[in-house]
Amino acid sequence: MSRTKRTTPLQMVLIVAMFLGVAALPILFEIDNVRLAFGLTGTPGYATVTGCVELDYEGDSVDCDGVFVPDDAPQDVRHVDMPSDSDAGDEFAARLSPEGDRAYPTTWQGRLMSLALPMLGVAILVPIPWAVVAWLRRKPLGVGSFYVIAALCGLCLLITFAGLAVSAF
């Protein structure tokens, strides 16, 4: 009869720490855009993309610039960076970053695009409590709890894919 090797507490802490680190990266990288897209920070206004330049030969990296006109001072026009998935001539409601160097769309498409990476991080975080409880109980959890975790991860990934699809078109 063979004995199965059990995960030690130190191994479980390391596994959870690695998952937390991987999940935190997409959330931290995109949090400023989420705050701009949902109007939590920045100056409201209107943005127009004036031009985009491909930075490599394949067209994978694009730098877009434009003009931002604040709602409260229409005469204070600023030249700013725009999201790289913009096209020349695009016009949209936007928020100017507190630094004043870039504008981000506040439309539903901009909000969905801003949520794409953070929801990927949340999808990675969702199963962690389930795995820790299963490890502490030393016996399998019910199938119903697995379905709940799968549904929550699926919802997060659906928002991620929708945000990626909106940015592609």
Protein backbone atom coordinates (compact mmCIF):
# COMPACT_ATOMS: atom_id res chain seq x y z
CA MET A 1 0.00 0.00 0.00
CA SER A 2 1.42 3.36 -1.01
CA ARG A 3 1.18 6.50 1.00
CA THR A 4 0.36 9.72 -0.80
CA LYS A 5 2.67 12.58 0.00
CA ARG A 6 0.85 15.48 1.63
CA THR A 7 1.65 19.12 0.91
CA THR A 8 3.43 20.69 3.88
CA PRO A 9 2.30 24.04 5.34
CA LEU A 10 5.41 25.75 3.96
CA GLN A 11 4.70 24.40 0.48
CA MET A 12 1.09 25.59 0.69
CA VAL A 13 2.20 29.08 1.79
CA LEU A 14 4.62 29.23 -1.16
CA ILE A 15 1.94 28.08 -3.61
CA VAL A 16 -0.57 30.64 -2.33
CA ALA A 17 2.08 33.40 -2.36
CA MET A 18 2.96 32.61 -5.98
CA PHE A 19 -0.71 32.67 -7.00
CA LEU A 20 -1.19 35.99 -5.18
CA GLY A 21 1.84 37.46 -6.93
CA VAL A 22 0.71 36.32 -10.38
CA ALA A 23 -2.85 37.54 -9.74
CA ALA A 24 -1.77 40.92 -8.38
CA LEU A 25 0.32 41.87 -11.42
CA PRO A 26 -2.54 42.39 -13.92
CA ILE A 27 -4.59 44.22 -11.30
CA LEU A 28 -1.75 46.58 -10.36
CA PHE A 29 -0.75 47.32 -13.97
CA GLU A 30 -4.25 48.36 -15.00
CA ILE A 31 -5.67 50.03 -11.86
CA ASP A 32 -4.97 53.56 -13.10
CA ASN A 33 -6.91 52.95 -16.31
CA VAL A 34 -9.83 51.47 -14.36
CA ARG A 35 -9.94 54.56 -12.14
CA LEU A 36 -9.91 56.82 -15.23
CA ALA A 37 -12.49 54.78 -17.17
CA PHE A 38 -14.97 54.77 -14.29
CA GLY A 39 -14.47 58.46 -13.51
CA LEU A 40 -12.87 58.00 -10.10
CA THR A 41 -9.94 60.25 -10.96
CA GLY A 42 -8.88 62.67 -13.66
CA THR A 43 -10.46 65.58 -15.49
CA PRO A 44 -13.59 64.89 -17.56
CA GLY A 45 -13.65 66.00 -21.15
CA TYR A 46 -13.64 64.97 -24.78
CA ALA A 47 -10.74 63.42 -26.73
CA THR A 48 -9.95 63.21 -30.43
CA VAL A 49 -7.23 60.93 -31.79
CA THR A 50 -5.11 62.93 -34.22
CA GLY A 51 -2.76 60.20 -35.35
CA CYS A 52 -1.19 56.82 -34.68
CA VAL A 53 2.31 55.64 -35.53
CA GLU A 54 3.40 52.00 -35.80
CA LEU A 55 6.52 51.48 -33.72
CA ASP A 56 7.55 48.19 -35.36
CA TYR A 57 7.32 46.57 -38.78
CA GLU A 58 4.59 44.08 -37.87
CA GLY A 59 2.23 46.78 -36.57
CA ASP A 60 1.96 45.13 -33.14
CA SER A 61 3.07 48.22 -31.25
CA VAL A 62 1.23 51.47 -31.91
CA ASP A 63 1.65 54.92 -30.36
CA CYS A 64 -1.40 57.19 -30.63
CA ASP A 65 -1.60 60.89 -29.86
CA GLY A 66 -4.54 63.22 -29.70
CA VAL A 67 -6.19 66.31 -28.35
CA PHE A 68 -8.06 66.50 -25.05
CA VAL A 69 -10.60 69.26 -24.36
CA PRO A 70 -11.74 69.51 -20.71
CA ASP A 71 -15.44 70.03 -19.98
CA ASP A 72 -14.86 72.91 -17.56
CA ALA A 73 -12.34 74.88 -19.69
CA PRO A 74 -12.85 74.30 -23.45
CA GLN A 75 -10.08 76.76 -24.30
CA ASP A 76 -7.50 74.63 -22.41
CA VAL A 77 -6.75 72.12 -25.21
CA ARG A 78 -3.97 69.63 -24.45
CA HIS A 79 -1.99 67.27 -26.66
CA VAL A 80 -1.90 63.88 -24.92
CA ASP A 81 -1.22 60.18 -25.42
CA MET A 82 -4.20 58.02 -26.36
CA PRO A 83 -4.86 54.28 -25.92
CA SER A 84 -2.88 52.25 -28.45
CA ASP A 85 -6.01 50.54 -29.79
CA SER A 86 -7.40 53.87 -31.04
CA ASP A 87 -7.66 54.88 -34.69
CA ALA A 88 -6.94 58.30 -36.14
CA GLY A 89 -10.12 60.37 -36.10
CA ASP A 90 -11.75 58.56 -33.15
CA GLU A 91 -13.68 60.88 -30.84
CA PHE A 92 -14.89 59.86 -27.41
CA ALA A 93 -15.69 61.03 -23.89
CA ALA A 94 -12.54 60.64 -21.82
CA ARG A 95 -10.76 61.46 -18.60
CA LEU A 96 -7.39 63.15 -18.46
CA SER A 97 -4.93 61.50 -16.09
CA PRO A 98 -3.87 63.54 -13.04
CA GLU A 99 -0.39 63.83 -14.59
CA GLY A 100 -1.99 65.42 -17.65
CA ASP A 101 -0.11 63.25 -20.13
CA ARG A 102 -2.78 60.77 -21.34
CA ALA A 103 -6.50 60.42 -21.82
CA TYR A 104 -8.58 57.24 -21.37
CA PRO A 105 -12.10 56.64 -22.75
CA THR A 106 -15.01 56.62 -20.31
CA THR A 107 -17.43 54.96 -22.74
CA TRP A 108 -18.69 51.43 -22.06
CA GLN A 109 -16.01 50.13 -24.43
CA GLY A 110 -13.29 51.94 -22.47
CA ARG A 111 -14.63 50.58 -19.21
CA LEU A 112 -14.73 47.04 -20.57
CA MET A 113 -11.19 47.38 -21.95
CA SER A 114 -9.94 48.67 -18.61
CA LEU A 115 -11.43 45.65 -16.80
CA ALA A 116 -9.86 43.01 -19.07
CA LEU A 117 -6.57 42.52 -17.20
CA PRO A 118 -7.83 43.08 -13.63
CA MET A 119 -10.56 40.48 -14.12
CA LEU A 120 -7.91 38.01 -15.26
CA GLY A 121 -6.19 38.61 -11.92
CA VAL A 122 -9.48 38.10 -10.06
CA ALA A 123 -10.07 34.84 -11.98
CA ILE A 124 -6.71 33.64 -10.67
CA LEU A 125 -7.59 34.71 -7.11
CA VAL A 126 -11.08 33.13 -6.94
CA PRO A 127 -10.01 29.48 -6.48
CA ILE A 128 -7.37 30.19 -3.82
CA PRO A 129 -9.72 30.11 -0.79
CA TRP A 130 -11.35 26.95 -2.15
CA ALA A 131 -7.96 25.23 -2.48
CA VAL A 132 -6.86 26.29 1.00
CA VAL A 133 -10.09 25.03 2.59
CA ALA A 134 -9.80 21.74 0.70
CA TRP A 135 -6.20 21.40 1.92
CA LEU A 136 -7.12 22.19 5.54
CA ARG A 137 -10.07 19.78 5.59
CA ARG A 138 -7.91 16.93 4.25
CA LYS A 139 -10.84 15.61 2.23
CA PRO A 140 -12.47 16.71 -1.02
CA LEU A 141 -15.03 19.49 -0.99
CA GLY A 142 -18.47 19.04 -2.46
CA VAL A 143 -19.12 19.24 -6.18
CA GLY A 144 -21.47 22.20 -5.64
CA SER A 145 -18.64 24.37 -4.32
CA PHE A 146 -16.56 23.47 -7.36
CA TYR A 147 -19.39 24.61 -9.66
CA VAL A 148 -19.65 27.93 -7.80
CA ILE A 149 -15.90 28.54 -8.14
CA ALA A 150 -16.02 27.54 -11.82
CA ALA A 151 -18.94 29.92 -12.46
CA LEU A 152 -17.16 32.83 -10.76
CA CYS A 153 -13.95 32.17 -12.70
CA GLY A 154 -15.98 31.84 -15.90
CA LEU A 155 -17.65 35.20 -15.29
CA CYS A 156 -14.28 36.86 -14.70
CA LEU A 157 -12.84 35.30 -17.85
CA LEU A 158 -15.93 36.30 -19.85
CA ILE A 159 -15.35 39.94 -18.86
CA THR A 160 -11.65 39.55 -19.73
CA PHE A 161 -12.38 38.17 -23.19
CA ALA A 162 -15.08 40.78 -23.82
CA GLY A 163 -12.63 43.54 -22.94
CA LEU A 164 -10.00 42.07 -25.24
CA ALA A 165 -12.54 41.68 -28.05
CA VAL A 166 -13.74 45.27 -27.71
CA SER A 167 -10.18 46.54 -27.90
CA ALA A 168 -9.52 44.48 -31.03
CA PHE A 169 -12.40 45.98 -33.02
